[in-house]
Amino acid sequence: MSAICGIVRFDGKPVDSSELETLVESSPYRGPEGVGYQLHENAGFAHLALHVTPDSAHEKQPLVSADGRYVLVADVRLDNRDEFLGKLGIRKDVDRSSQILI
C-alpha cells in the first residue's frame, strides 16, 4: 500500500518543503518506488509510491489540473479514472516535469 500525506495551513502561512520531507521520512517503507511532491503556498502534499499492480507502476502523483486549481493525491482504485480526471481537467499523459515539485 502506498501512502499520502499533506499539510494545509488555514491561517495562510506557507508550507515549507522540509516539513513535508519530515513526514515522508517517517515512513520510508511506504515509498520505495518514489515520492511525488506538490507544494503551493499554504498547502503541500506528498505521495509515497509502493507499486502493487502493473497499472500502479505507471502512476505519478500528485496530479494537478491544467489550471492548477485542483490537486489529486490518493491511494485508491478508480474504475472511471479517465472520466474523473477529464472532469477535473487533468490529462493522464501530462509531462510531470512541468509541475511545481520540491
Protein backbone atom coordinates (compact mmCIF):
# COMPACT_ATOMS: atom_id res chain seq x y z
CA MET A 1 0.00 0.00 0.00
CA SER A 2 1.22 3.48 -0.88
CA ALA A 3 0.84 6.44 1.43
CA ILE A 4 -0.22 10.06 1.18
CA CYS A 5 0.42 12.96 3.49
CA GLY A 6 -0.15 16.66 3.45
CA ILE A 7 -0.19 19.92 5.31
CA VAL A 8 -2.82 22.63 4.85
CA ARG A 9 -2.45 25.89 6.74
CA PHE A 10 -5.76 27.67 7.14
CA ASP A 11 -4.03 30.77 8.50
CA GLY A 12 -2.36 31.30 5.10
CA LYS A 13 1.20 30.67 6.31
CA PRO A 14 3.30 28.98 3.63
CA VAL A 15 4.23 25.31 3.95
CA ASP A 16 7.97 24.69 3.94
CA SER A 17 9.26 21.77 1.87
CA SER A 18 11.28 20.48 4.84
CA GLU A 19 8.04 19.92 6.77
CA LEU A 20 6.73 17.60 4.06
CA GLU A 21 10.09 15.86 3.80
CA THR A 22 9.96 15.15 7.55
CA LEU A 23 6.55 13.50 7.13
CA VAL A 24 7.83 11.40 4.22
CA GLU A 25 10.98 10.34 6.07
CA SER A 26 8.84 8.95 8.91
CA SER A 27 7.55 6.14 6.64
CA PRO A 28 10.34 5.17 4.20
CA TYR A 29 8.91 1.68 3.68
CA ARG A 30 5.79 3.23 2.14
CA GLY A 31 7.60 4.91 -0.76
CA PRO A 32 10.27 2.58 -2.13
CA GLU A 33 9.22 3.33 -5.73
CA GLY A 34 9.48 7.08 -5.32
CA VAL A 35 7.88 10.14 -3.80
CA GLY A 36 5.96 12.89 -5.59
CA TYR A 37 5.50 16.33 -4.05
CA GLN A 38 3.19 19.24 -4.76
CA LEU A 39 3.75 22.47 -2.88
CA HIS A 40 1.70 25.63 -3.32
CA GLU A 41 1.65 28.45 -0.81
CA ASN A 42 -0.29 27.25 2.26
CA ALA A 43 -0.70 23.62 1.14
CA GLY A 44 1.65 20.78 0.39
CA PHE A 45 1.07 17.12 -0.45
CA ALA A 46 3.21 14.04 -0.97
CA HIS A 47 2.54 10.63 -2.47
CA LEU A 48 4.80 7.75 -1.39
CA ALA A 49 4.58 5.12 -4.13
CA LEU A 50 4.53 1.40 -3.44
CA HIS A 51 3.56 -0.32 -6.70
CA VAL A 52 1.39 -3.39 -6.12
CA THR A 53 -0.27 -3.73 -9.54
CA PRO A 54 1.05 -3.40 -13.10
CA ASP A 55 -1.06 -0.24 -13.59
CA SER A 56 0.31 1.44 -10.48
CA ALA A 57 3.87 1.24 -11.85
CA HIS A 58 2.97 4.00 -14.34
CA GLU A 59 1.20 6.35 -11.92
CA LYS A 60 2.81 9.65 -10.95
CA GLN A 61 1.20 11.70 -8.20
CA PRO A 62 0.16 14.25 -7.12
CA LEU A 63 -1.85 15.07 -10.25
CA VAL A 64 -2.54 18.74 -10.95
CA SER A 65 -5.32 20.18 -13.11
CA ALA A 66 -4.32 22.21 -16.17
CA ASP A 67 -5.29 25.47 -14.45
CA GLY A 68 -3.54 24.50 -11.19
CA ARG A 69 -6.77 24.78 -9.24
CA TYR A 70 -7.08 21.10 -8.25
CA VAL A 71 -4.57 18.63 -6.86
CA LEU A 72 -5.35 14.94 -6.59
CA VAL A 73 -3.32 12.64 -4.37
CA ALA A 74 -4.79 9.30 -3.40
CA ASP A 75 -4.20 5.62 -2.81
CA VAL A 76 -7.42 4.37 -4.34
CA ARG A 77 -8.82 2.30 -7.14
CA LEU A 78 -10.70 4.49 -9.62
CA ASP A 79 -12.70 2.46 -12.11
CA ASN A 80 -13.70 5.59 -14.02
CA ARG A 81 -10.27 7.25 -13.83
CA ASP A 82 -10.26 8.78 -17.33
CA GLU A 83 -13.74 10.29 -16.86
CA PHE A 84 -12.88 11.63 -13.38
CA LEU A 85 -9.58 13.17 -14.46
CA GLY A 86 -11.26 14.66 -17.51
CA LYS A 87 -13.86 16.43 -15.37
CA LEU A 88 -11.04 17.95 -13.30
CA GLY A 89 -9.14 18.99 -16.41
CA ILE A 90 -6.25 16.62 -15.64
CA ARG A 91 -4.74 14.77 -18.57
CA LYS A 92 -3.11 11.49 -17.64
CA ASP A 93 -0.42 11.94 -20.30
CA VAL A 94 0.79 15.31 -18.96
CA ASP A 95 4.54 15.74 -18.71
CA ARG A 96 5.11 15.64 -14.94
CA SER A 97 8.38 17.58 -15.26
CA SER A 98 6.37 20.77 -15.73
CA GLN A 99 4.72 20.52 -12.30
CA ILE A 100 5.88 22.56 -9.36
CA LEU A 101 7.73 19.95 -7.36
CA ILE A 102 10.09 20.12 -4.43
